[in-house]
Amino acid sequence: MRRFTDVTALAAARGQHLGYSDWHVVTQERIDAFAEATGDHQWIHVDPERAARGPFGSTIAHGFLSLSLLPMFGPEVYELDTPPTMGVNYGLNKVRFLQPVTVGSRVRDGIELTEVKETDKGLLLTMRHEVQIEGVERPALVAETLTLLVP
């Protein structure tokens, strides 16, 4: 884990790769809970028997489930000794789902701080995330996120 004293020190790391999160197993329970929360009960996600006969040989995580893990990964990659008053998800510039995440896979996130912009509300950080699947060359997803940190 990489430590920064405050948002200003984090902003100074612009252009740097911040590190990798821990590995996390994507379980069928997590996939089912996501299906419940979103109403997306497509068989490729929630029917292990049918999915075993499908194109991936097992159920796969929803793409948006993989994306929704990004807030969990961040605190495993970097930490601020003096946190901001508030951090707000400001949106996404780009998301690509490149490889399905099969049930039981282990995933982690690599984060690069690509841009920092001062606004009247705080610092707007652009981060490039690459969610990797253990043992698979192609990443599960690549996303460019925007986070507003209010000092």
N, C-alpha and C. Protein backbone atom coordinates (compact mmCIF):
# COMPACT_ATOMS: atom_id res chain seq x y z
N MET A 1 0.84 -1.18 0.00
CA MET A 1 0.00 0.00 0.00
C MET A 1 0.89 1.24 0.00
N ARG A 2 0.47 2.20 -0.78
CA ARG A 2 1.21 3.46 -0.87
C ARG A 2 0.52 4.50 0.01
N ARG A 3 1.31 5.20 0.80
CA ARG A 3 0.78 6.20 1.72
C ARG A 3 1.15 7.61 1.26
N PHE A 4 0.18 8.51 1.42
CA PHE A 4 0.39 9.92 1.11
C PHE A 4 -0.05 10.72 2.33
N THR A 5 0.60 11.85 2.58
CA THR A 5 0.24 12.65 3.75
C THR A 5 -1.15 13.27 3.59
N ASP A 6 -1.46 13.74 2.37
CA ASP A 6 -2.76 14.40 2.14
C ASP A 6 -3.06 14.43 0.65
N VAL A 7 -4.15 15.10 0.27
CA VAL A 7 -4.55 15.15 -1.14
C VAL A 7 -3.50 15.85 -2.02
N THR A 8 -2.79 16.82 -1.45
CA THR A 8 -1.76 17.52 -2.21
C THR A 8 -0.61 16.57 -2.55
N ALA A 9 -0.23 15.75 -1.61
CA ALA A 9 0.83 14.76 -1.87
C ALA A 9 0.37 13.72 -2.89
N LEU A 10 -0.88 13.32 -2.80
CA LEU A 10 -1.42 12.39 -3.79
C LEU A 10 -1.40 13.04 -5.17
N ALA A 11 -1.82 14.29 -5.26
CA ALA A 11 -1.85 15.00 -6.54
C ALA A 11 -0.46 15.08 -7.15
N ALA A 12 0.56 15.17 -6.33
CA ALA A 12 1.94 15.25 -6.82
C ALA A 12 2.39 13.94 -7.48
N ALA A 13 1.64 12.87 -7.27
CA ALA A 13 1.96 11.57 -7.87
C ALA A 13 1.36 11.43 -9.27
N ARG A 14 0.86 12.52 -9.82
CA ARG A 14 0.27 12.49 -11.17
C ARG A 14 1.25 11.85 -12.16
N GLY A 15 0.70 10.97 -12.99
CA GLY A 15 1.52 10.28 -13.98
C GLY A 15 2.16 9.00 -13.46
N GLN A 16 1.90 8.67 -12.21
CA GLN A 16 2.52 7.48 -11.62
C GLN A 16 1.51 6.34 -11.44
N HIS A 17 2.05 5.14 -11.51
CA HIS A 17 1.25 3.96 -11.16
C HIS A 17 1.29 3.87 -9.65
N LEU A 18 0.13 3.80 -9.02
CA LEU A 18 0.05 3.83 -7.56
C LEU A 18 0.22 2.45 -6.92
N GLY A 19 -0.02 1.39 -7.70
CA GLY A 19 0.14 0.05 -7.15
C GLY A 19 -1.03 -0.84 -7.46
N TYR A 20 -1.07 -1.97 -6.76
CA TYR A 20 -2.09 -3.00 -6.98
C TYR A 20 -2.83 -3.31 -5.69
N SER A 21 -4.09 -3.63 -5.84
CA SER A 21 -4.89 -4.07 -4.70
C SER A 21 -4.54 -5.52 -4.37
N ASP A 22 -5.16 -6.02 -3.32
CA ASP A 22 -5.09 -7.45 -3.01
C ASP A 22 -5.90 -8.22 -4.05
N TRP A 23 -5.69 -9.52 -4.09
CA TRP A 23 -6.51 -10.39 -4.93
C TRP A 23 -7.81 -10.70 -4.19
N HIS A 24 -8.92 -10.75 -4.92
CA HIS A 24 -10.23 -11.07 -4.35
C HIS A 24 -10.91 -12.12 -5.21
N VAL A 25 -11.50 -13.11 -4.55
CA VAL A 25 -12.21 -14.17 -5.26
C VAL A 25 -13.62 -13.69 -5.59
N VAL A 26 -14.04 -13.90 -6.82
CA VAL A 26 -15.40 -13.58 -7.24
C VAL A 26 -16.23 -14.84 -7.05
N THR A 27 -17.08 -14.80 -6.04
CA THR A 27 -17.88 -15.98 -5.67
C THR A 27 -19.26 -15.94 -6.32
N GLN A 28 -19.89 -17.10 -6.37
CA GLN A 28 -21.26 -17.14 -6.88
C GLN A 28 -22.20 -16.36 -5.96
N GLU A 29 -21.91 -16.36 -4.68
CA GLU A 29 -22.73 -15.59 -3.73
C GLU A 29 -22.69 -14.09 -4.06
N ARG A 30 -21.50 -13.59 -4.40
CA ARG A 30 -21.38 -12.18 -4.75
C ARG A 30 -22.12 -11.88 -6.06
N ILE A 31 -21.99 -12.79 -7.03
CA ILE A 31 -22.68 -12.62 -8.31
C ILE A 31 -24.19 -12.63 -8.09
N ASP A 32 -24.68 -13.56 -7.27
CA ASP A 32 -26.12 -13.64 -7.00
C ASP A 32 -26.62 -12.40 -6.27
N ALA A 33 -25.83 -11.89 -5.32
CA ALA A 33 -26.22 -10.68 -4.59
C ALA A 33 -26.30 -9.49 -5.54
N PHE A 34 -25.36 -9.41 -6.48
CA PHE A 34 -25.39 -8.33 -7.46
C PHE A 34 -26.62 -8.45 -8.37
N ALA A 35 -26.94 -9.68 -8.76
CA ALA A 35 -28.13 -9.91 -9.58
C ALA A 35 -29.38 -9.46 -8.83
N GLU A 36 -29.44 -9.77 -7.56
CA GLU A 36 -30.59 -9.34 -6.73
C GLU A 36 -30.67 -7.82 -6.67
N ALA A 37 -29.52 -7.18 -6.44
CA ALA A 37 -29.49 -5.72 -6.28
C ALA A 37 -29.87 -5.00 -7.56
N THR A 38 -29.52 -5.57 -8.71
CA THR A 38 -29.72 -4.87 -9.98
C THR A 38 -30.90 -5.39 -10.80
N GLY A 39 -31.41 -6.57 -10.43
CA GLY A 39 -32.49 -7.17 -11.20
C GLY A 39 -32.01 -7.85 -12.47
N ASP A 40 -30.70 -8.02 -12.62
CA ASP A 40 -30.13 -8.67 -13.81
C ASP A 40 -29.87 -10.14 -13.48
N HIS A 41 -30.86 -10.97 -13.81
CA HIS A 41 -30.80 -12.40 -13.48
C HIS A 41 -30.53 -13.26 -14.71
N GLN A 42 -29.79 -12.74 -15.67
CA GLN A 42 -29.49 -13.51 -16.88
C GLN A 42 -28.80 -14.82 -16.49
N TRP A 43 -29.17 -15.90 -17.16
CA TRP A 43 -28.69 -17.24 -16.81
C TRP A 43 -27.17 -17.35 -16.80
N ILE A 44 -26.48 -16.60 -17.64
CA ILE A 44 -25.02 -16.70 -17.71
C ILE A 44 -24.37 -16.28 -16.37
N HIS A 45 -25.14 -15.56 -15.55
CA HIS A 45 -24.65 -15.12 -14.25
C HIS A 45 -25.15 -16.00 -13.10
N VAL A 46 -26.40 -16.43 -13.16
CA VAL A 46 -27.03 -17.01 -11.97
C VAL A 46 -27.45 -18.48 -12.08
N ASP A 47 -27.26 -19.11 -13.21
CA ASP A 47 -27.66 -20.51 -13.37
C ASP A 47 -26.42 -21.36 -13.65
N PRO A 48 -25.76 -21.86 -12.59
CA PRO A 48 -24.51 -22.60 -12.78
C PRO A 48 -24.65 -23.83 -13.69
N GLU A 49 -25.76 -24.52 -13.61
CA GLU A 49 -25.93 -25.73 -14.44
C GLU A 49 -26.01 -25.35 -15.92
N ARG A 50 -26.84 -24.40 -16.25
CA ARG A 50 -26.97 -23.98 -17.64
C ARG A 50 -25.68 -23.31 -18.13
N ALA A 51 -25.08 -22.48 -17.28
CA ALA A 51 -23.85 -21.78 -17.67
C ALA A 51 -22.70 -22.77 -17.90
N ALA A 52 -22.70 -23.90 -17.20
CA ALA A 52 -21.66 -24.92 -17.42
C ALA A 52 -21.67 -25.42 -18.86
N ARG A 53 -22.83 -25.38 -19.48
CA ARG A 53 -22.96 -25.81 -20.89
C ARG A 53 -22.81 -24.64 -21.85
N GLY A 54 -22.63 -23.45 -21.32
CA GLY A 54 -22.54 -22.24 -22.13
C GLY A 54 -21.13 -21.95 -22.62
N PRO A 55 -20.93 -20.79 -23.19
CA PRO A 55 -19.67 -20.46 -23.85
C PRO A 55 -18.46 -20.33 -22.93
N PHE A 56 -18.67 -20.13 -21.63
CA PHE A 56 -17.54 -19.92 -20.72
C PHE A 56 -17.32 -21.09 -19.76
N GLY A 57 -18.21 -22.08 -19.78
CA GLY A 57 -18.05 -23.26 -18.95
C GLY A 57 -18.45 -23.07 -17.50
N SER A 58 -18.89 -21.89 -17.15
CA SER A 58 -19.35 -21.60 -15.79
C SER A 58 -20.08 -20.26 -15.82
N THR A 59 -20.62 -19.87 -14.69
CA THR A 59 -21.21 -18.54 -14.61
C THR A 59 -20.09 -17.50 -14.67
N ILE A 60 -20.47 -16.30 -15.07
CA ILE A 60 -19.53 -15.19 -15.12
C ILE A 60 -20.12 -14.01 -14.34
N ALA A 61 -19.23 -13.19 -13.82
CA ALA A 61 -19.66 -11.97 -13.12
C ALA A 61 -20.23 -10.99 -14.13
N HIS A 62 -21.20 -10.22 -13.70
CA HIS A 62 -21.70 -9.12 -14.50
C HIS A 62 -20.55 -8.15 -14.74
N GLY A 63 -20.48 -7.55 -15.92
CA GLY A 63 -19.45 -6.54 -16.17
C GLY A 63 -19.55 -5.41 -15.16
N PHE A 64 -20.78 -5.00 -14.87
CA PHE A 64 -20.96 -3.90 -13.92
C PHE A 64 -20.63 -4.33 -12.48
N LEU A 65 -20.69 -5.62 -12.19
CA LEU A 65 -20.21 -6.09 -10.88
C LEU A 65 -18.70 -5.86 -10.80
N SER A 66 -17.97 -6.26 -11.84
CA SER A 66 -16.52 -6.05 -11.84
C SER A 66 -16.20 -4.56 -11.69
N LEU A 67 -16.95 -3.72 -12.39
CA LEU A 67 -16.75 -2.28 -12.29
C LEU A 67 -17.05 -1.77 -10.88
N SER A 68 -18.08 -2.33 -10.26
CA SER A 68 -18.49 -1.86 -8.93
C SER A 68 -17.47 -2.19 -7.84
N LEU A 69 -16.49 -3.03 -8.14
CA LEU A 69 -15.46 -3.36 -7.16
C LEU A 69 -14.39 -2.28 -7.03
N LEU A 70 -14.35 -1.34 -7.97
CA LEU A 70 -13.30 -0.32 -7.94
C LEU A 70 -13.23 0.45 -6.62
N PRO A 71 -14.36 0.86 -6.02
CA PRO A 71 -14.26 1.57 -4.74
C PRO A 71 -13.66 0.71 -3.62
N MET A 72 -13.81 -0.61 -3.70
CA MET A 72 -13.22 -1.50 -2.71
C MET A 72 -11.70 -1.56 -2.89
N PHE A 73 -11.26 -1.56 -4.16
CA PHE A 73 -9.84 -1.70 -4.44
C PHE A 73 -9.02 -0.48 -4.03
N GLY A 74 -9.56 0.72 -4.25
CA GLY A 74 -8.80 1.95 -4.01
C GLY A 74 -8.10 2.01 -2.66
N PRO A 75 -8.80 1.81 -1.54
CA PRO A 75 -8.15 1.89 -0.23
C PRO A 75 -7.09 0.82 0.00
N GLU A 76 -7.08 -0.22 -0.82
CA GLU A 76 -6.03 -1.23 -0.71
C GLU A 76 -4.78 -0.81 -1.47
N VAL A 77 -4.91 0.17 -2.35
CA VAL A 77 -3.79 0.62 -3.18
C VAL A 77 -3.10 1.83 -2.56
N TYR A 78 -3.88 2.79 -2.08
CA TYR A 78 -3.28 3.99 -1.50
C TYR A 78 -4.12 4.48 -0.32
N GLU A 79 -3.45 5.22 0.55
CA GLU A 79 -4.11 5.74 1.75
C GLU A 79 -3.59 7.14 2.02
N LEU A 80 -4.47 7.98 2.54
CA LEU A 80 -4.10 9.35 2.90
C LEU A 80 -4.06 9.46 4.42
N ASP A 81 -2.94 9.95 4.97
CA ASP A 81 -2.85 10.14 6.42
C ASP A 81 -3.88 11.16 6.89
N THR A 82 -4.05 12.23 6.11
CA THR A 82 -5.08 13.23 6.39
C THR A 82 -6.09 13.15 5.25
N PRO A 83 -7.19 12.43 5.47
CA PRO A 83 -8.15 12.26 4.38
C PRO A 83 -8.88 13.57 4.07
N PRO A 84 -9.43 13.68 2.87
CA PRO A 84 -10.21 14.87 2.53
C PRO A 84 -11.52 14.89 3.31
N THR A 85 -12.17 16.03 3.31
CA THR A 85 -13.48 16.13 3.94
C THR A 85 -14.45 15.16 3.30
N MET A 86 -14.30 15.02 1.98
CA MET A 86 -15.22 14.17 1.24
C MET A 86 -14.60 13.78 -0.09
N GLY A 87 -14.90 12.56 -0.52
CA GLY A 87 -14.54 12.10 -1.86
C GLY A 87 -15.81 11.72 -2.58
N VAL A 88 -15.97 12.20 -3.80
CA VAL A 88 -17.20 11.98 -4.54
C VAL A 88 -16.88 11.32 -5.88
N ASN A 89 -17.62 10.25 -6.19
CA ASN A 89 -17.53 9.63 -7.51
C ASN A 89 -18.09 10.64 -8.50
N TYR A 90 -17.25 11.13 -9.40
CA TYR A 90 -17.64 12.18 -10.34
C TYR A 90 -18.04 11.62 -11.70
N GLY A 91 -17.71 10.34 -11.93
CA GLY A 91 -18.12 9.71 -13.17
C GLY A 91 -17.02 8.90 -13.82
N LEU A 92 -17.26 8.58 -15.08
CA LEU A 92 -16.34 7.76 -15.87
C LEU A 92 -16.13 8.40 -17.23
N ASN A 93 -14.91 8.36 -17.70
CA ASN A 93 -14.64 8.81 -19.06
C ASN A 93 -14.74 7.64 -20.03
N LYS A 94 -14.30 6.47 -19.59
CA LYS A 94 -14.22 5.34 -20.50
C LYS A 94 -14.23 4.05 -19.69
N VAL A 95 -14.97 3.07 -20.19
CA VAL A 95 -14.97 1.73 -19.59
C VAL A 95 -15.01 0.72 -20.73
N ARG A 96 -14.16 -0.29 -20.62
CA ARG A 96 -14.18 -1.38 -21.59
C ARG A 96 -14.12 -2.70 -20.83
N PHE A 97 -15.07 -3.59 -21.12
CA PHE A 97 -15.08 -4.93 -20.54
C PHE A 97 -14.40 -5.85 -21.55
N LEU A 98 -13.21 -6.31 -21.23
CA LEU A 98 -12.37 -7.00 -22.20
C LEU A 98 -12.37 -8.52 -22.06
N GLN A 99 -12.61 -9.02 -20.85
CA GLN A 99 -12.51 -10.46 -20.60
C GLN A 99 -13.53 -10.83 -19.53
N PRO A 100 -14.35 -11.87 -19.77
CA PRO A 100 -15.30 -12.27 -18.73
C PRO A 100 -14.59 -12.82 -17.49
N VAL A 101 -15.18 -12.54 -16.35
CA VAL A 101 -14.65 -13.02 -15.07
C VAL A 101 -15.50 -14.23 -14.66
N THR A 102 -14.92 -15.41 -14.76
CA THR A 102 -15.65 -16.62 -14.40
C THR A 102 -15.70 -16.76 -12.88
N VAL A 103 -16.76 -17.42 -12.40
CA VAL A 103 -16.91 -17.64 -10.97
C VAL A 103 -15.69 -18.36 -10.43
N GLY A 104 -15.24 -17.93 -9.26
CA GLY A 104 -14.06 -18.52 -8.63
C GLY A 104 -12.75 -17.85 -9.02
N SER A 105 -12.79 -16.95 -9.99
CA SER A 105 -11.58 -16.23 -10.41
C SER A 105 -11.14 -15.27 -9.31
N ARG A 106 -9.85 -15.01 -9.30
CA ARG A 106 -9.30 -13.98 -8.41
C ARG A 106 -8.98 -12.76 -9.26
N VAL A 107 -9.41 -11.58 -8.77
CA VAL A 107 -9.19 -10.33 -9.49
C VAL A 107 -8.50 -9.33 -8.58
N ARG A 108 -7.79 -8.40 -9.23
CA ARG A 108 -7.17 -7.28 -8.51
C ARG A 108 -7.15 -6.08 -9.44
N ASP A 109 -6.89 -4.91 -8.87
CA ASP A 109 -6.89 -3.67 -9.62
C ASP A 109 -5.51 -3.03 -9.56
N GLY A 110 -5.06 -2.55 -10.70
CA GLY A 110 -3.88 -1.70 -10.77
C GLY A 110 -4.34 -0.29 -11.10
N ILE A 111 -3.84 0.69 -10.35
CA ILE A 111 -4.33 2.06 -10.49
C ILE A 111 -3.19 3.01 -10.86
N GLU A 112 -3.46 3.84 -11.86
CA GLU A 112 -2.53 4.89 -12.27
C GLU A 112 -3.25 6.23 -12.17
N LEU A 113 -2.62 7.20 -11.52
CA LEU A 113 -3.17 8.56 -11.44
C LEU A 113 -2.72 9.30 -12.69
N THR A 114 -3.65 9.54 -13.61
CA THR A 114 -3.27 10.08 -14.91
C THR A 114 -3.41 11.60 -15.01
N GLU A 115 -4.34 12.17 -14.24
CA GLU A 115 -4.56 13.62 -14.36
C GLU A 115 -5.09 14.17 -13.05
N VAL A 116 -4.71 15.40 -12.75
CA VAL A 116 -5.22 16.12 -11.58
C VAL A 116 -5.59 17.52 -12.05
N LYS A 117 -6.82 17.90 -11.74
CA LYS A 117 -7.28 19.23 -12.14
C LYS A 117 -7.86 19.93 -10.91
N GLU A 118 -7.38 21.17 -10.67
CA GLU A 118 -7.94 21.96 -9.57
C GLU A 118 -9.25 22.58 -10.03
N THR A 119 -10.29 22.44 -9.19
CA THR A 119 -11.57 23.07 -9.46
C THR A 119 -11.93 23.93 -8.26
N ASP A 120 -13.00 24.70 -8.36
CA ASP A 120 -13.42 25.52 -7.22
C ASP A 120 -13.97 24.67 -6.08
N LYS A 121 -14.24 23.38 -6.33
CA LYS A 121 -14.78 22.49 -5.29
C LYS A 121 -13.72 21.57 -4.69
N GLY A 122 -12.59 21.43 -5.36
CA GLY A 122 -11.54 20.54 -4.88
C GLY A 122 -10.70 20.03 -6.03
N LEU A 123 -10.06 18.89 -5.80
CA LEU A 123 -9.20 18.29 -6.82
C LEU A 123 -9.96 17.20 -7.56
N LEU A 124 -9.97 17.29 -8.88
CA LEU A 124 -10.61 16.27 -9.71
C LEU A 124 -9.51 15.34 -10.22
N LEU A 125 -9.54 14.09 -9.76
CA LEU A 125 -8.54 13.11 -10.12
C LEU A 125 -9.07 12.19 -11.21
N THR A 126 -8.26 11.95 -12.22
CA THR A 126 -8.57 10.97 -13.24
C THR A 126 -7.63 9.80 -13.01
N MET A 127 -8.22 8.62 -12.84
CA MET A 127 -7.43 7.42 -12.58
C MET A 127 -7.75 6.35 -13.60
N ARG A 128 -6.71 5.67 -14.04
CA ARG A 128 -6.87 4.55 -14.96
C ARG A 128 -6.79 3.27 -14.14
N HIS A 129 -7.85 2.47 -14.23
CA HIS A 129 -7.92 1.20 -13.52
C HIS A 129 -7.81 0.06 -14.52
N GLU A 130 -7.04 -0.94 -14.15
CA GLU A 130 -6.98 -2.16 -14.95
C GLU A 130 -7.24 -3.32 -14.00
N VAL A 131 -8.41 -3.92 -14.12
CA VAL A 131 -8.77 -5.06 -13.28
C VAL A 131 -8.26 -6.31 -13.96
N GLN A 132 -7.35 -6.97 -13.28
CA GLN A 132 -6.71 -8.18 -13.81
C GLN A 132 -7.35 -9.43 -13.23
N ILE A 133 -7.29 -10.49 -14.02
CA ILE A 133 -7.75 -11.81 -13.58
C ILE A 133 -6.49 -12.66 -13.42
N GLU A 134 -6.32 -13.25 -12.26
CA GLU A 134 -5.13 -14.06 -12.01
C GLU A 134 -5.00 -15.17 -13.05
N GLY A 135 -3.83 -15.25 -13.68
CA GLY A 135 -3.56 -16.29 -14.65
C GLY A 135 -4.08 -16.02 -16.05
N VAL A 136 -4.70 -14.86 -16.28
CA VAL A 136 -5.25 -14.51 -17.59
C VAL A 136 -4.52 -13.27 -18.09
N GLU A 137 -4.03 -13.33 -19.31
CA GLU A 137 -3.23 -12.22 -19.84
C GLU A 137 -4.05 -10.95 -20.06
N ARG A 138 -5.23 -11.10 -20.64
CA ARG A 138 -6.06 -9.94 -20.95
C ARG A 138 -6.82 -9.48 -19.70
N PRO A 139 -6.86 -8.18 -19.42
CA PRO A 139 -7.58 -7.70 -18.24
C PRO A 139 -9.09 -7.88 -18.37
N ALA A 140 -9.75 -7.99 -17.24
CA ALA A 140 -11.21 -8.07 -17.21
C ALA A 140 -11.81 -6.77 -17.70
N LEU A 141 -11.25 -5.66 -17.24
CA LEU A 141 -11.75 -4.36 -17.65
C LEU A 141 -10.69 -3.30 -17.50
N VAL A 142 -10.87 -2.25 -18.26
CA VAL A 142 -10.06 -1.05 -18.15
C VAL A 142 -11.05 0.10 -18.03
N ALA A 143 -10.83 0.96 -17.04
CA ALA A 143 -11.76 2.07 -16.81
C ALA A 143 -10.99 3.32 -16.43
N GLU A 144 -11.51 4.44 -16.87
CA GLU A 144 -10.97 5.74 -16.48
C GLU A 144 -12.03 6.41 -15.62
N THR A 145 -11.70 6.57 -14.33
CA THR A 145 -12.66 7.13 -13.38
C THR A 145 -12.29 8.56 -13.01
N LEU A 146 -13.30 9.30 -12.58
CA LEU A 146 -13.13 10.67 -12.08
C LEU A 146 -13.59 10.70 -10.63
N THR A 147 -12.73 11.24 -9.78
CA THR A 147 -13.06 11.37 -8.36
C THR A 147 -12.77 12.79 -7.93
N LEU A 148 -13.75 13.42 -7.28
CA LEU A 148 -13.58 14.76 -6.76
C LEU A 148 -13.23 14.65 -5.27
N LEU A 149 -12.05 15.14 -4.90
CA LEU A 149 -11.64 15.17 -3.49
C LEU A 149 -11.79 16.59 -2.97
N VAL A 150 -12.60 16.74 -1.94
CA VAL A 150 -12.83 18.04 -1.33
C VAL A 150 -11.95 18.12 -0.08
N PRO A 151 -10.91 18.98 -0.10
CA PRO A 151 -9.97 19.02 1.02
C PRO A 151 -10.60 19.49 2.33
